[in-house]
């Protein structure tokens, strides 16, 4: 059975809050960490980048990819060391985007 992969859909992720409401987010980027044996995803609410004056809240979660390449369950980042690593990757990403 063939698996169709739509890259346009891969740019978005839907989260369901505690009230069962769905919110659509656009994925900024993902990366893998061999040290923590996890992958990480950075994303922000769809439409948030339309008003350049407001600061965009970027959410970051860890995940272990599923066999089909999906995100699986998103996990909160728990340790200060792991946050430091994630912030360093994000800062490098921002510097590269500004160049």
N, C-alpha and C. Protein backbone atom coordinates (compact mmCIF):
# COMPACT_ATOMS: atom_id res chain seq x y z
N UNK A 1 0.85 -1.18 0.00
CA UNK A 1 0.00 0.00 0.00
C UNK A 1 0.89 1.23 0.00
N UNK A 2 0.60 2.16 -0.87
CA UNK A 2 1.38 3.39 -0.99
C UNK A 2 0.99 4.37 0.10
N UNK A 3 1.97 5.11 0.53
CA UNK A 3 1.73 6.14 1.54
C UNK A 3 1.98 7.49 0.89
N UNK A 4 0.93 8.31 0.80
CA UNK A 4 1.09 9.64 0.23
C UNK A 4 1.55 10.59 1.32
N UNK A 5 2.53 11.39 0.97
CA UNK A 5 3.11 12.31 1.91
C UNK A 5 2.89 13.73 1.41
N UNK A 6 2.02 14.48 2.05
CA UNK A 6 1.72 15.84 1.63
C UNK A 6 2.56 16.80 2.47
N UNK A 7 3.58 17.39 1.85
CA UNK A 7 4.48 18.27 2.59
C UNK A 7 3.79 19.54 3.08
N UNK A 8 2.75 19.99 2.39
CA UNK A 8 2.01 21.17 2.83
C UNK A 8 1.37 20.90 4.19
N UNK A 9 0.80 19.72 4.38
CA UNK A 9 0.18 19.37 5.66
C UNK A 9 1.22 19.19 6.75
N UNK A 10 2.46 18.84 6.40
CA UNK A 10 3.51 18.63 7.38
C UNK A 10 3.93 19.93 8.05
N UNK A 11 3.47 21.06 7.54
CA UNK A 11 3.84 22.35 8.11
C UNK A 11 2.95 22.73 9.29
N UNK A 12 1.93 21.92 9.56
CA UNK A 12 0.96 22.27 10.59
C UNK A 12 0.78 21.15 11.60
N UNK A 13 0.38 21.55 12.80
CA UNK A 13 0.07 20.60 13.86
C UNK A 13 -1.14 21.14 14.61
N UNK A 14 -2.02 20.26 15.00
CA UNK A 14 -3.22 20.65 15.75
C UNK A 14 -3.09 20.15 17.18
N UNK A 15 -3.32 21.05 18.13
CA UNK A 15 -3.31 20.67 19.54
C UNK A 15 -4.72 20.80 20.09
N UNK A 16 -5.06 19.92 21.01
CA UNK A 16 -6.36 19.95 21.67
C UNK A 16 -6.13 20.32 23.13
N UNK A 17 -6.80 21.40 23.58
CA UNK A 17 -6.61 21.82 24.96
C UNK A 17 -7.49 21.03 25.92
N UNK A 18 -7.43 21.37 27.21
CA UNK A 18 -8.16 20.62 28.23
C UNK A 18 -9.67 20.71 28.06
N UNK A 19 -10.16 21.70 27.30
CA UNK A 19 -11.60 21.86 27.04
C UNK A 19 -12.04 21.14 25.77
N UNK A 20 -11.10 20.49 25.09
CA UNK A 20 -11.42 19.80 23.85
C UNK A 20 -11.39 20.69 22.62
N UNK A 21 -10.96 21.94 22.79
CA UNK A 21 -10.88 22.88 21.67
C UNK A 21 -9.59 22.64 20.90
N UNK A 22 -9.69 22.65 19.58
CA UNK A 22 -8.52 22.44 18.72
C UNK A 22 -7.96 23.79 18.29
N UNK A 23 -6.63 23.86 18.26
CA UNK A 23 -5.96 25.06 17.76
C UNK A 23 -4.89 24.62 16.77
N UNK A 24 -4.84 25.32 15.63
CA UNK A 24 -3.90 24.99 14.58
C UNK A 24 -2.62 25.81 14.75
N UNK A 25 -1.48 25.14 14.63
CA UNK A 25 -0.17 25.77 14.75
C UNK A 25 0.64 25.50 13.50
N UNK A 26 1.52 26.45 13.18
CA UNK A 26 2.44 26.26 12.07
C UNK A 26 3.79 25.86 12.64
N UNK A 27 4.38 24.83 12.04
CA UNK A 27 5.68 24.33 12.51
C UNK A 27 6.78 25.23 11.98
N UNK A 28 7.61 25.71 12.89
CA UNK A 28 8.75 26.54 12.53
C UNK A 28 9.90 25.65 12.07
N UNK A 29 10.28 24.67 12.91
CA UNK A 29 11.27 23.68 12.53
C UNK A 29 11.32 22.56 13.55
N UNK A 30 11.94 21.47 13.17
CA UNK A 30 12.16 20.33 14.07
C UNK A 30 13.63 19.97 14.05
N UNK A 31 14.09 19.29 15.09
CA UNK A 31 15.45 18.76 15.09
C UNK A 31 15.52 17.55 16.01
N UNK A 32 16.56 16.76 15.83
CA UNK A 32 16.77 15.55 16.62
C UNK A 32 17.97 15.74 17.54
N UNK A 33 17.92 15.13 18.71
CA UNK A 33 19.03 15.16 19.66
C UNK A 33 19.45 13.74 19.98
N UNK A 34 20.69 13.41 19.62
CA UNK A 34 21.23 12.10 19.97
C UNK A 34 21.46 12.01 21.47
N UNK A 35 21.85 13.12 22.08
CA UNK A 35 22.14 13.14 23.52
C UNK A 35 20.92 12.77 24.35
N UNK A 36 19.74 13.30 24.00
CA UNK A 36 18.53 13.03 24.76
C UNK A 36 17.64 11.98 24.12
N UNK A 37 18.05 11.48 22.95
CA UNK A 37 17.31 10.45 22.21
C UNK A 37 15.85 10.84 21.99
N UNK A 38 15.65 12.11 21.60
CA UNK A 38 14.33 12.65 21.32
C UNK A 38 14.43 13.58 20.12
N UNK A 39 13.28 13.91 19.60
CA UNK A 39 13.18 14.96 18.60
C UNK A 39 12.42 16.11 19.22
N UNK A 40 12.55 17.30 18.63
CA UNK A 40 11.92 18.49 19.17
C UNK A 40 11.23 19.24 18.05
N UNK A 41 10.12 19.89 18.39
CA UNK A 41 9.37 20.67 17.42
C UNK A 41 9.10 22.06 17.99
N UNK A 42 9.33 23.08 17.16
CA UNK A 42 9.03 24.47 17.50
C UNK A 42 7.84 24.88 16.63
N UNK A 43 6.81 25.47 17.23
CA UNK A 43 5.66 25.89 16.45
C UNK A 43 4.98 27.08 17.10
N UNK A 44 4.12 27.77 16.31
CA UNK A 44 3.43 28.96 16.79
C UNK A 44 2.02 28.98 16.20
N UNK A 45 1.08 29.72 16.85
CA UNK A 45 -0.30 29.74 16.35
C UNK A 45 -0.37 30.27 14.93
N UNK A 46 -1.19 29.63 14.10
CA UNK A 46 -1.38 30.08 12.72
C UNK A 46 -1.92 31.50 12.76
N UNK A 47 -1.34 32.36 11.94
CA UNK A 47 -1.76 33.76 11.88
C UNK A 47 -0.99 34.66 12.81
N UNK A 48 -0.19 34.12 13.71
CA UNK A 48 0.54 34.94 14.68
C UNK A 48 1.60 35.81 14.03
N UNK A 49 2.14 35.37 12.90
CA UNK A 49 3.21 36.14 12.25
C UNK A 49 2.66 37.22 11.32
N UNK A 50 1.34 37.36 11.23
CA UNK A 50 0.75 38.36 10.35
C UNK A 50 0.90 39.77 10.91
N UNK A 51 0.96 39.91 12.22
CA UNK A 51 1.14 41.22 12.85
C UNK A 51 2.55 41.27 13.42
N UNK A 52 3.44 41.87 12.68
CA UNK A 52 4.86 41.88 13.03
C UNK A 52 5.15 42.64 14.34
N UNK A 53 4.21 43.48 14.81
CA UNK A 53 4.46 44.27 16.01
C UNK A 53 4.37 43.44 17.28
N UNK A 54 3.54 42.42 17.27
CA UNK A 54 3.38 41.58 18.45
C UNK A 54 4.46 40.52 18.49
N UNK A 55 4.92 40.21 19.69
CA UNK A 55 5.89 39.13 19.86
C UNK A 55 5.16 37.80 19.72
N UNK A 56 5.76 36.89 18.99
CA UNK A 56 5.13 35.60 18.74
C UNK A 56 5.54 34.62 19.84
N UNK A 57 4.55 33.95 20.43
CA UNK A 57 4.83 32.90 21.41
C UNK A 57 5.13 31.61 20.65
N UNK A 58 6.35 31.14 20.80
CA UNK A 58 6.75 29.90 20.14
C UNK A 58 6.74 28.79 21.18
N UNK A 59 6.01 27.73 20.89
CA UNK A 59 5.93 26.58 21.78
C UNK A 59 6.97 25.55 21.35
N UNK A 60 7.50 24.84 22.31
CA UNK A 60 8.50 23.81 22.03
C UNK A 60 8.16 22.56 22.83
N UNK A 61 8.14 21.44 22.15
CA UNK A 61 7.89 20.16 22.80
C UNK A 61 8.88 19.13 22.29
N UNK A 62 9.12 18.13 23.11
CA UNK A 62 9.90 16.97 22.71
C UNK A 62 8.92 15.90 22.23
N UNK A 63 9.41 15.00 21.41
CA UNK A 63 8.59 13.87 20.97
C UNK A 63 9.50 12.74 20.51
N UNK A 64 8.96 11.56 20.48
CA UNK A 64 9.65 10.41 19.91
C UNK A 64 8.88 10.05 18.65
N UNK A 65 9.53 10.19 17.48
CA UNK A 65 8.81 9.98 16.21
C UNK A 65 8.19 8.59 16.13
N UNK A 66 7.02 8.54 15.49
CA UNK A 66 6.36 7.26 15.24
C UNK A 66 7.04 6.57 14.07
N UNK A 67 6.72 5.31 13.85
CA UNK A 67 7.33 4.55 12.76
C UNK A 67 7.05 5.16 11.40
N UNK A 68 5.89 5.82 11.26
CA UNK A 68 5.54 6.43 9.97
C UNK A 68 6.03 7.87 9.85
N UNK A 69 6.84 8.32 10.81
CA UNK A 69 7.42 9.65 10.74
C UNK A 69 6.60 10.73 11.40
N UNK A 70 5.51 10.36 12.08
CA UNK A 70 4.67 11.33 12.76
C UNK A 70 5.29 11.78 14.07
N UNK A 71 4.62 12.71 14.75
CA UNK A 71 5.14 13.26 15.99
C UNK A 71 4.92 12.35 17.20
N UNK A 72 3.92 11.52 17.16
CA UNK A 72 3.62 10.74 18.35
C UNK A 72 3.12 11.67 19.44
N UNK A 73 3.29 11.30 20.68
CA UNK A 73 2.83 12.12 21.80
C UNK A 73 3.85 13.21 22.10
N UNK A 74 3.37 14.45 22.21
CA UNK A 74 4.25 15.56 22.57
C UNK A 74 4.52 15.51 24.07
N UNK A 75 5.77 15.75 24.44
CA UNK A 75 6.19 15.70 25.84
C UNK A 75 6.80 17.03 26.24
N UNK A 76 6.53 17.45 27.45
CA UNK A 76 7.14 18.68 27.94
C UNK A 76 8.63 18.44 28.20
N UNK A 77 9.40 19.50 28.04
CA UNK A 77 10.83 19.44 28.33
C UNK A 77 10.98 19.64 29.83
N UNK A 78 11.65 18.71 30.49
CA UNK A 78 11.60 18.67 31.95
C UNK A 78 12.84 19.19 32.66
N UNK A 79 14.02 19.05 32.09
CA UNK A 79 15.22 19.42 32.83
C UNK A 79 15.80 20.73 32.32
N UNK A 80 16.51 21.40 33.20
CA UNK A 80 17.17 22.67 32.85
C UNK A 80 18.24 22.44 31.77
N UNK A 81 18.93 21.31 31.86
CA UNK A 81 19.97 21.00 30.87
C UNK A 81 19.37 20.81 29.48
N UNK A 82 18.23 20.14 29.43
CA UNK A 82 17.55 19.92 28.15
C UNK A 82 17.05 21.27 27.59
N UNK A 83 16.50 22.14 28.45
CA UNK A 83 16.06 23.47 28.00
C UNK A 83 17.24 24.27 27.47
N UNK A 84 18.38 24.20 28.15
CA UNK A 84 19.56 24.92 27.68
C UNK A 84 19.95 24.48 26.28
N UNK A 85 19.93 23.18 26.02
CA UNK A 85 20.27 22.65 24.71
C UNK A 85 19.27 23.14 23.66
N UNK A 86 17.97 23.09 23.99
CA UNK A 86 16.93 23.52 23.06
C UNK A 86 17.06 25.01 22.76
N UNK A 87 17.33 25.83 23.77
CA UNK A 87 17.50 27.27 23.57
C UNK A 87 18.71 27.56 22.68
N UNK A 88 19.78 26.80 22.86
CA UNK A 88 20.96 26.99 22.04
C UNK A 88 20.66 26.69 20.57
N UNK A 89 19.93 25.62 20.31
CA UNK A 89 19.54 25.28 18.94
C UNK A 89 18.63 26.37 18.37
N UNK A 90 17.68 26.86 19.16
CA UNK A 90 16.77 27.90 18.70
C UNK A 90 17.53 29.19 18.38
N UNK A 91 18.47 29.57 19.25
CA UNK A 91 19.26 30.77 19.01
C UNK A 91 20.09 30.65 17.73
N UNK A 92 20.65 29.49 17.49
CA UNK A 92 21.41 29.25 16.26
C UNK A 92 20.49 29.36 15.05
N UNK A 93 19.29 28.80 15.14
CA UNK A 93 18.31 28.89 14.06
C UNK A 93 17.98 30.36 13.78
N UNK A 94 17.73 31.15 14.83
CA UNK A 94 17.41 32.56 14.65
C UNK A 94 18.54 33.33 13.99
N UNK A 95 19.77 33.06 14.42
CA UNK A 95 20.93 33.74 13.82
C UNK A 95 21.05 33.41 12.34
N UNK A 96 20.81 32.16 11.98
CA UNK A 96 20.89 31.76 10.58
C UNK A 96 19.78 32.42 9.76
N UNK A 97 18.59 32.60 10.34
CA UNK A 97 17.47 33.22 9.64
C UNK A 97 17.72 34.71 9.40
N UNK A 98 18.44 35.35 10.33
CA UNK A 98 18.70 36.78 10.21
C UNK A 98 19.75 37.08 9.15
N UNK A 99 20.60 36.12 8.83
CA UNK A 99 21.67 36.33 7.85
C UNK A 99 21.18 36.31 6.44
